[in-house]
Amino acid sequence: MVGGTFDPLHDGHKRLLDRSFEIAGSEGYVVIGLTTDSFASRKTHPIRPFSIRKEELEQYIARGNYPTIWIIEPLNDRFGTAIKADFDAIVVSEETLPVAVEINTIRKENKKKKVDIHQISCVLAEDGKWISSTRIYRGEIDAHGHLMH
């Protein structure tokens, strides 16, 4: 499992997705939680509509030519189906690690098995800071971390 708003889809998101498919392998199944418009509206910057973000994700995954089965499901809160579903691993960034830890805590309380947490390192922009959607929307960097002048 992996989740996010994915807007705009930047190199950090791509690392997260690639790692998810790598962990799942050809026999696995990747569930991608994509924040709904109402849940994403809590962000400090504008968010493109769910349908556009979903289409961009689908195009990226198709280009990756992964042998893995995958699905994109709407994410209405921080946890989605991760607190109840039967799955083995969640892939997060340094920024979202606390959510994964919280998911495992809730799963334990609900007598569900803990899931493995795979943390990727955030992709750094040219200035050594994390690539983030907020920085892209502010016009500081592009989706590949190149500084905007």
N, C-alpha and C. Protein backbone atom coordinates (compact mmCIF):
# COMPACT_ATOMS: atom_id res chain seq x y z
N MET A 1 0.83 -1.19 0.00
CA MET A 1 0.00 0.00 0.00
C MET A 1 0.86 1.24 0.00
N VAL A 2 0.33 2.24 -0.66
CA VAL A 2 0.97 3.54 -0.71
C VAL A 2 -0.15 4.56 -0.88
N GLY A 3 0.05 5.75 -0.36
CA GLY A 3 -1.02 6.74 -0.50
C GLY A 3 -0.49 8.14 -0.61
N GLY A 4 -1.32 9.02 -1.16
CA GLY A 4 -0.93 10.42 -1.25
C GLY A 4 -1.89 11.22 -2.10
N THR A 5 -1.55 12.49 -2.24
CA THR A 5 -2.33 13.40 -3.08
C THR A 5 -1.77 13.39 -4.50
N PHE A 6 -0.46 13.20 -4.60
CA PHE A 6 0.22 13.08 -5.89
C PHE A 6 -0.10 14.25 -6.82
N ASP A 7 0.06 15.49 -6.31
CA ASP A 7 -0.23 16.66 -7.12
C ASP A 7 0.71 17.79 -6.79
N PRO A 8 1.54 18.18 -7.74
CA PRO A 8 1.78 17.48 -8.99
C PRO A 8 2.64 16.22 -8.75
N LEU A 9 2.54 15.29 -9.67
CA LEU A 9 3.31 14.04 -9.57
C LEU A 9 4.78 14.39 -9.82
N HIS A 10 5.60 14.33 -8.77
CA HIS A 10 7.01 14.71 -8.89
C HIS A 10 7.93 13.51 -8.68
N ASP A 11 9.22 13.75 -8.78
CA ASP A 11 10.20 12.65 -8.70
C ASP A 11 10.15 11.92 -7.36
N GLY A 12 9.81 12.60 -6.29
CA GLY A 12 9.67 11.93 -4.99
C GLY A 12 8.52 10.94 -5.01
N HIS A 13 7.39 11.34 -5.59
CA HIS A 13 6.24 10.44 -5.72
C HIS A 13 6.62 9.23 -6.59
N LYS A 14 7.36 9.50 -7.65
CA LYS A 14 7.74 8.41 -8.57
C LYS A 14 8.62 7.39 -7.85
N ARG A 15 9.54 7.87 -6.99
CA ARG A 15 10.37 6.95 -6.22
C ARG A 15 9.49 6.09 -5.30
N LEU A 16 8.50 6.70 -4.68
CA LEU A 16 7.57 6.01 -3.79
C LEU A 16 6.79 4.93 -4.55
N LEU A 17 6.27 5.29 -5.71
CA LEU A 17 5.52 4.33 -6.52
C LEU A 17 6.40 3.21 -7.03
N ASP A 18 7.58 3.57 -7.56
CA ASP A 18 8.50 2.55 -8.08
C ASP A 18 8.86 1.54 -6.99
N ARG A 19 9.13 2.04 -5.79
CA ARG A 19 9.49 1.16 -4.67
C ARG A 19 8.32 0.25 -4.30
N SER A 20 7.10 0.77 -4.36
CA SER A 20 5.92 -0.04 -4.06
C SER A 20 5.81 -1.22 -5.03
N PHE A 21 6.01 -0.94 -6.30
CA PHE A 21 5.92 -2.01 -7.29
C PHE A 21 7.08 -2.99 -7.16
N GLU A 22 8.25 -2.48 -6.81
CA GLU A 22 9.43 -3.33 -6.60
C GLU A 22 9.19 -4.30 -5.45
N ILE A 23 8.64 -3.80 -4.33
CA ILE A 23 8.38 -4.64 -3.16
C ILE A 23 7.31 -5.69 -3.48
N ALA A 24 6.27 -5.28 -4.18
CA ALA A 24 5.17 -6.21 -4.50
C ALA A 24 5.62 -7.31 -5.45
N GLY A 25 6.48 -6.97 -6.38
CA GLY A 25 6.96 -7.95 -7.35
C GLY A 25 5.84 -8.40 -8.29
N SER A 26 6.16 -9.32 -9.17
CA SER A 26 5.20 -9.75 -10.18
C SER A 26 4.02 -10.53 -9.58
N GLU A 27 4.22 -11.10 -8.41
CA GLU A 27 3.16 -11.89 -7.77
C GLU A 27 2.30 -11.04 -6.82
N GLY A 28 2.71 -9.81 -6.59
CA GLY A 28 2.04 -8.96 -5.60
C GLY A 28 0.89 -8.15 -6.15
N TYR A 29 0.44 -7.24 -5.31
CA TYR A 29 -0.71 -6.40 -5.61
C TYR A 29 -0.47 -5.06 -4.94
N VAL A 30 -0.54 -3.98 -5.70
CA VAL A 30 -0.29 -2.65 -5.15
C VAL A 30 -1.61 -1.89 -5.05
N VAL A 31 -1.89 -1.39 -3.86
CA VAL A 31 -3.05 -0.53 -3.65
C VAL A 31 -2.52 0.89 -3.47
N ILE A 32 -2.99 1.80 -4.32
CA ILE A 32 -2.58 3.19 -4.26
C ILE A 32 -3.78 4.00 -3.78
N GLY A 33 -3.64 4.56 -2.58
CA GLY A 33 -4.69 5.43 -2.07
C GLY A 33 -4.46 6.83 -2.59
N LEU A 34 -5.45 7.37 -3.27
CA LEU A 34 -5.35 8.73 -3.83
C LEU A 34 -6.37 9.61 -3.10
N THR A 35 -5.87 10.67 -2.48
CA THR A 35 -6.76 11.51 -1.69
C THR A 35 -7.91 12.07 -2.54
N THR A 36 -9.10 12.04 -1.96
CA THR A 36 -10.27 12.61 -2.63
C THR A 36 -10.15 14.13 -2.63
N ASP A 37 -10.94 14.78 -3.44
CA ASP A 37 -10.91 16.24 -3.50
C ASP A 37 -11.24 16.85 -2.14
N SER A 38 -12.23 16.29 -1.44
CA SER A 38 -12.62 16.86 -0.15
C SER A 38 -11.51 16.69 0.90
N PHE A 39 -10.84 15.53 0.91
CA PHE A 39 -9.76 15.31 1.87
C PHE A 39 -8.53 16.14 1.49
N ALA A 40 -8.26 16.26 0.21
CA ALA A 40 -7.08 17.00 -0.26
C ALA A 40 -7.25 18.50 -0.06
N SER A 41 -8.46 18.96 0.12
CA SER A 41 -8.70 20.40 0.25
C SER A 41 -8.07 21.00 1.50
N ARG A 42 -7.59 20.14 2.42
CA ARG A 42 -6.94 20.64 3.63
C ARG A 42 -5.52 21.13 3.34
N LYS A 43 -5.02 20.85 2.15
CA LYS A 43 -3.67 21.28 1.78
C LYS A 43 -3.62 22.81 1.71
N THR A 44 -2.41 23.33 1.84
CA THR A 44 -2.24 24.79 1.84
C THR A 44 -2.15 25.36 0.42
N HIS A 45 -2.03 24.50 -0.56
CA HIS A 45 -1.97 24.96 -1.95
C HIS A 45 -3.10 24.34 -2.75
N PRO A 46 -3.41 24.89 -3.92
CA PRO A 46 -4.51 24.33 -4.73
C PRO A 46 -4.19 22.90 -5.18
N ILE A 47 -5.23 22.10 -5.30
CA ILE A 47 -5.09 20.71 -5.74
C ILE A 47 -5.96 20.51 -6.99
N ARG A 48 -5.39 19.86 -7.99
CA ARG A 48 -6.17 19.55 -9.19
C ARG A 48 -7.20 18.46 -8.85
N PRO A 49 -8.27 18.37 -9.64
CA PRO A 49 -9.33 17.39 -9.36
C PRO A 49 -8.82 15.94 -9.35
N PHE A 50 -9.50 15.11 -8.55
CA PHE A 50 -9.19 13.69 -8.39
C PHE A 50 -9.00 13.02 -9.76
N SER A 51 -9.93 13.26 -10.68
CA SER A 51 -9.89 12.57 -11.98
C SER A 51 -8.61 12.87 -12.75
N ILE A 52 -8.12 14.09 -12.66
CA ILE A 52 -6.88 14.47 -13.35
C ILE A 52 -5.68 13.83 -12.67
N ARG A 53 -5.66 13.86 -11.34
CA ARG A 53 -4.55 13.25 -10.60
C ARG A 53 -4.52 11.74 -10.84
N LYS A 54 -5.69 11.13 -10.87
CA LYS A 54 -5.77 9.68 -11.10
C LYS A 54 -5.25 9.34 -12.51
N GLU A 55 -5.66 10.12 -13.49
CA GLU A 55 -5.21 9.87 -14.87
C GLU A 55 -3.69 10.00 -14.98
N GLU A 56 -3.12 10.99 -14.31
CA GLU A 56 -1.66 11.18 -14.34
C GLU A 56 -0.95 9.98 -13.70
N LEU A 57 -1.49 9.48 -12.58
CA LEU A 57 -0.94 8.29 -11.94
C LEU A 57 -1.01 7.09 -12.87
N GLU A 58 -2.17 6.89 -13.48
CA GLU A 58 -2.37 5.75 -14.39
C GLU A 58 -1.38 5.80 -15.55
N GLN A 59 -1.14 6.98 -16.10
CA GLN A 59 -0.20 7.13 -17.21
C GLN A 59 1.22 6.80 -16.76
N TYR A 60 1.61 7.27 -15.57
CA TYR A 60 2.95 6.98 -15.07
C TYR A 60 3.13 5.47 -14.86
N ILE A 61 2.15 4.84 -14.25
CA ILE A 61 2.24 3.40 -13.98
C ILE A 61 2.28 2.61 -15.29
N ALA A 62 1.48 3.02 -16.26
CA ALA A 62 1.48 2.34 -17.56
C ALA A 62 2.86 2.44 -18.22
N ARG A 63 3.49 3.60 -18.12
CA ARG A 63 4.84 3.77 -18.70
C ARG A 63 5.86 2.88 -18.00
N GLY A 64 5.63 2.59 -16.71
CA GLY A 64 6.55 1.74 -15.95
C GLY A 64 6.48 0.29 -16.36
N ASN A 65 5.40 -0.08 -17.05
CA ASN A 65 5.25 -1.45 -17.57
C ASN A 65 5.44 -2.51 -16.48
N TYR A 66 4.89 -2.27 -15.30
CA TYR A 66 5.03 -3.20 -14.18
C TYR A 66 4.19 -4.45 -14.41
N PRO A 67 4.72 -5.63 -14.03
CA PRO A 67 3.93 -6.86 -14.18
C PRO A 67 2.92 -7.03 -13.03
N THR A 68 2.95 -6.15 -12.09
CA THR A 68 2.16 -6.24 -10.86
C THR A 68 0.73 -5.77 -11.09
N ILE A 69 -0.22 -6.43 -10.46
CA ILE A 69 -1.61 -5.97 -10.47
C ILE A 69 -1.69 -4.77 -9.53
N TRP A 70 -2.48 -3.78 -9.89
CA TRP A 70 -2.59 -2.58 -9.06
C TRP A 70 -3.99 -1.98 -9.16
N ILE A 71 -4.30 -1.17 -8.16
CA ILE A 71 -5.59 -0.47 -8.13
C ILE A 71 -5.37 0.89 -7.46
N ILE A 72 -6.13 1.86 -7.92
CA ILE A 72 -6.14 3.17 -7.26
C ILE A 72 -7.48 3.29 -6.56
N GLU A 73 -7.44 3.54 -5.25
CA GLU A 73 -8.69 3.69 -4.50
C GLU A 73 -8.75 5.07 -3.86
N PRO A 74 -9.96 5.62 -3.73
CA PRO A 74 -10.11 6.95 -3.10
C PRO A 74 -9.70 6.90 -1.63
N LEU A 75 -8.98 7.90 -1.21
CA LEU A 75 -8.51 8.01 0.17
C LEU A 75 -9.24 9.21 0.81
N ASN A 76 -10.18 8.89 1.72
CA ASN A 76 -11.01 9.92 2.34
C ASN A 76 -10.46 10.42 3.67
N ASP A 77 -9.42 9.75 4.18
CA ASP A 77 -8.80 10.16 5.44
C ASP A 77 -7.35 9.69 5.43
N ARG A 78 -6.64 9.88 6.53
CA ARG A 78 -5.21 9.54 6.56
C ARG A 78 -4.93 8.05 6.43
N PHE A 79 -5.92 7.21 6.74
CA PHE A 79 -5.66 5.77 6.81
C PHE A 79 -6.26 4.96 5.67
N GLY A 80 -7.37 5.38 5.13
CA GLY A 80 -8.03 4.61 4.08
C GLY A 80 -8.31 3.20 4.56
N THR A 81 -8.09 2.22 3.70
CA THR A 81 -8.35 0.82 4.06
C THR A 81 -7.18 0.19 4.81
N ALA A 82 -6.11 0.95 5.04
CA ALA A 82 -4.89 0.39 5.64
C ALA A 82 -5.09 -0.11 7.07
N ILE A 83 -6.10 0.36 7.78
CA ILE A 83 -6.28 -0.10 9.16
C ILE A 83 -7.05 -1.41 9.24
N LYS A 84 -7.75 -1.79 8.14
CA LYS A 84 -8.56 -3.01 8.18
C LYS A 84 -8.15 -4.05 7.14
N ALA A 85 -7.57 -3.63 6.04
CA ALA A 85 -7.27 -4.53 4.92
C ALA A 85 -6.19 -5.54 5.29
N ASP A 86 -6.18 -6.64 4.56
CA ASP A 86 -5.16 -7.66 4.73
C ASP A 86 -4.07 -7.40 3.69
N PHE A 87 -2.95 -6.87 4.15
CA PHE A 87 -1.83 -6.60 3.25
C PHE A 87 -0.53 -6.71 4.05
N ASP A 88 0.60 -6.71 3.36
CA ASP A 88 1.88 -6.99 3.99
C ASP A 88 2.78 -5.79 4.25
N ALA A 89 2.68 -4.77 3.39
CA ALA A 89 3.66 -3.69 3.50
C ALA A 89 3.04 -2.34 3.11
N ILE A 90 3.57 -1.31 3.73
CA ILE A 90 3.20 0.05 3.37
C ILE A 90 4.48 0.79 3.06
N VAL A 91 4.45 1.59 2.00
CA VAL A 91 5.62 2.32 1.56
C VAL A 91 5.37 3.81 1.82
N VAL A 92 6.30 4.44 2.53
CA VAL A 92 6.14 5.83 2.93
C VAL A 92 7.44 6.60 2.72
N SER A 93 7.32 7.91 2.79
CA SER A 93 8.50 8.77 2.76
C SER A 93 8.86 9.12 4.20
N GLU A 94 9.98 9.81 4.37
CA GLU A 94 10.36 10.26 5.71
C GLU A 94 9.24 11.12 6.30
N GLU A 95 8.59 11.89 5.45
CA GLU A 95 7.55 12.81 5.87
C GLU A 95 6.29 12.09 6.37
N THR A 96 5.96 10.95 5.76
CA THR A 96 4.72 10.25 6.10
C THR A 96 4.94 9.02 6.99
N LEU A 97 6.17 8.80 7.43
CA LEU A 97 6.45 7.68 8.33
C LEU A 97 5.55 7.66 9.57
N PRO A 98 5.31 8.80 10.23
CA PRO A 98 4.46 8.76 11.43
C PRO A 98 3.05 8.20 11.18
N VAL A 99 2.51 8.42 9.99
CA VAL A 99 1.19 7.88 9.67
C VAL A 99 1.24 6.35 9.62
N ALA A 100 2.30 5.81 9.03
CA ALA A 100 2.44 4.35 8.95
C ALA A 100 2.57 3.74 10.34
N VAL A 101 3.31 4.39 11.22
CA VAL A 101 3.46 3.91 12.59
C VAL A 101 2.09 3.93 13.28
N GLU A 102 1.33 4.98 13.06
CA GLU A 102 -0.01 5.09 13.64
C GLU A 102 -0.93 3.99 13.09
N ILE A 103 -0.82 3.70 11.80
CA ILE A 103 -1.61 2.63 11.19
C ILE A 103 -1.32 1.31 11.90
N ASN A 104 -0.05 0.99 12.15
CA ASN A 104 0.30 -0.25 12.83
C ASN A 104 -0.23 -0.27 14.27
N THR A 105 -0.22 0.87 14.94
CA THR A 105 -0.76 0.95 16.30
C THR A 105 -2.25 0.63 16.30
N ILE A 106 -2.98 1.23 15.37
CA ILE A 106 -4.42 0.97 15.27
C ILE A 106 -4.68 -0.47 14.88
N ARG A 107 -3.88 -1.01 13.96
CA ARG A 107 -4.04 -2.41 13.54
C ARG A 107 -3.86 -3.33 14.75
N LYS A 108 -2.85 -3.06 15.58
CA LYS A 108 -2.59 -3.88 16.76
C LYS A 108 -3.79 -3.84 17.71
N GLU A 109 -4.32 -2.63 17.94
CA GLU A 109 -5.49 -2.48 18.81
C GLU A 109 -6.69 -3.26 18.29
N ASN A 110 -6.78 -3.37 16.97
CA ASN A 110 -7.89 -4.09 16.32
C ASN A 110 -7.57 -5.55 16.05
N LYS A 111 -6.48 -6.04 16.67
CA LYS A 111 -6.07 -7.45 16.53
C LYS A 111 -5.75 -7.85 15.08
N LYS A 112 -5.26 -6.87 14.30
CA LYS A 112 -4.81 -7.15 12.93
C LYS A 112 -3.29 -7.25 12.97
N LYS A 113 -2.72 -8.02 12.04
CA LYS A 113 -1.27 -8.16 12.03
C LYS A 113 -0.60 -6.85 11.61
N LYS A 114 0.56 -6.60 12.21
CA LYS A 114 1.33 -5.43 11.82
C LYS A 114 1.81 -5.61 10.39
N VAL A 115 2.00 -4.50 9.70
CA VAL A 115 2.52 -4.56 8.35
C VAL A 115 3.94 -4.01 8.34
N ASP A 116 4.74 -4.49 7.40
CA ASP A 116 6.10 -3.98 7.26
C ASP A 116 6.04 -2.54 6.74
N ILE A 117 6.86 -1.69 7.31
CA ILE A 117 6.94 -0.30 6.86
C ILE A 117 8.24 -0.15 6.07
N HIS A 118 8.11 0.26 4.83
CA HIS A 118 9.27 0.51 3.98
C HIS A 118 9.35 2.01 3.76
N GLN A 119 10.40 2.61 4.28
CA GLN A 119 10.57 4.05 4.15
C GLN A 119 11.59 4.35 3.07
N ILE A 120 11.18 5.17 2.12
CA ILE A 120 12.13 5.64 1.11
C ILE A 120 12.71 6.96 1.60
N SER A 121 13.87 7.31 1.12
CA SER A 121 14.39 8.63 1.44
C SER A 121 13.76 9.61 0.46
N CYS A 122 13.48 10.80 0.94
CA CYS A 122 12.89 11.82 0.07
C CYS A 122 13.90 12.21 -1.00
N VAL A 123 13.39 12.53 -2.16
CA VAL A 123 14.26 12.97 -3.25
C VAL A 123 14.60 14.44 -3.02
N LEU A 124 15.86 14.76 -3.16
CA LEU A 124 16.32 16.12 -2.90
C LEU A 124 16.37 16.94 -4.19
N ALA A 125 16.01 18.20 -4.06
CA ALA A 125 16.12 19.14 -5.16
C ALA A 125 17.58 19.60 -5.28
N GLU A 126 17.87 20.41 -6.26
CA GLU A 126 19.23 20.92 -6.48
C GLU A 126 19.78 21.65 -5.26
N ASP A 127 18.89 22.25 -4.47
CA ASP A 127 19.35 23.02 -3.31
C ASP A 127 19.51 22.16 -2.05
N GLY A 128 19.34 20.83 -2.21
CA GLY A 128 19.54 19.93 -1.08
C GLY A 128 18.33 19.78 -0.18
N LYS A 129 17.24 20.48 -0.47
CA LYS A 129 16.00 20.35 0.31
C LYS A 129 15.08 19.36 -0.41
N TRP A 130 14.11 18.81 0.34
CA TRP A 130 13.17 17.84 -0.25
C TRP A 130 12.38 18.44 -1.40
N ILE A 131 12.14 17.61 -2.41
CA ILE A 131 11.17 17.97 -3.43
C ILE A 131 9.80 17.80 -2.78
N SER A 132 8.96 18.80 -2.89
CA SER A 132 7.60 18.69 -2.35
C SER A 132 6.64 19.44 -3.25
N SER A 133 5.39 19.01 -3.22
CA SER A 133 4.35 19.68 -4.01
C SER A 133 4.23 21.14 -3.62
N THR A 134 4.35 21.42 -2.33
CA THR A 134 4.24 22.81 -1.86
C THR A 134 5.33 23.67 -2.49
N ARG A 135 6.56 23.17 -2.52
CA ARG A 135 7.66 23.94 -3.12
C ARG A 135 7.44 24.14 -4.62
N ILE A 136 6.87 23.13 -5.27
CA ILE A 136 6.59 23.25 -6.70
C ILE A 136 5.52 24.31 -6.93
N TYR A 137 4.45 24.27 -6.13
CA TYR A 137 3.39 25.26 -6.27
C TYR A 137 3.86 26.67 -5.95
N ARG A 138 4.82 26.80 -5.05
CA ARG A 138 5.37 28.13 -4.73
C ARG A 138 6.27 28.66 -5.85
N GLY A 139 6.62 27.78 -6.81
CA GLY A 139 7.48 28.18 -7.90
C GLY A 139 8.96 28.13 -7.57
N GLU A 140 9.32 27.47 -6.46
CA GLU A 140 10.73 27.36 -6.06
C GLU A 140 11.48 26.38 -6.95
N ILE A 141 10.81 25.25 -7.27
CA ILE A 141 11.44 24.16 -8.03
C ILE A 141 10.42 23.59 -9.01
N ASP A 142 10.93 22.78 -9.96
CA ASP A 142 10.02 22.05 -10.83
C ASP A 142 9.85 20.63 -10.29
N ALA A 143 9.11 19.80 -11.00
CA ALA A 143 8.80 18.44 -10.53
C ALA A 143 10.02 17.53 -10.45
N HIS A 144 11.14 17.99 -11.00
CA HIS A 144 12.38 17.20 -10.94
C HIS A 144 13.38 17.80 -9.96
N GLY A 145 12.98 18.86 -9.25
CA GLY A 145 13.85 19.46 -8.25
C GLY A 145 14.80 20.52 -8.78
N HIS A 146 14.61 20.92 -10.05
CA HIS A 146 15.44 21.98 -10.59
C HIS A 146 14.95 23.32 -10.08
N LEU A 147 15.88 24.16 -9.67
CA LEU A 147 15.52 25.48 -9.16
C LEU A 147 14.95 26.35 -10.27
N MET A 148 13.89 27.07 -9.93
CA MET A 148 13.25 27.97 -10.90
C MET A 148 13.87 29.36 -10.70
N HIS A 149 14.24 29.98 -11.77
CA HIS A 149 14.87 31.31 -11.67
C HIS A 149 14.02 32.36 -12.30
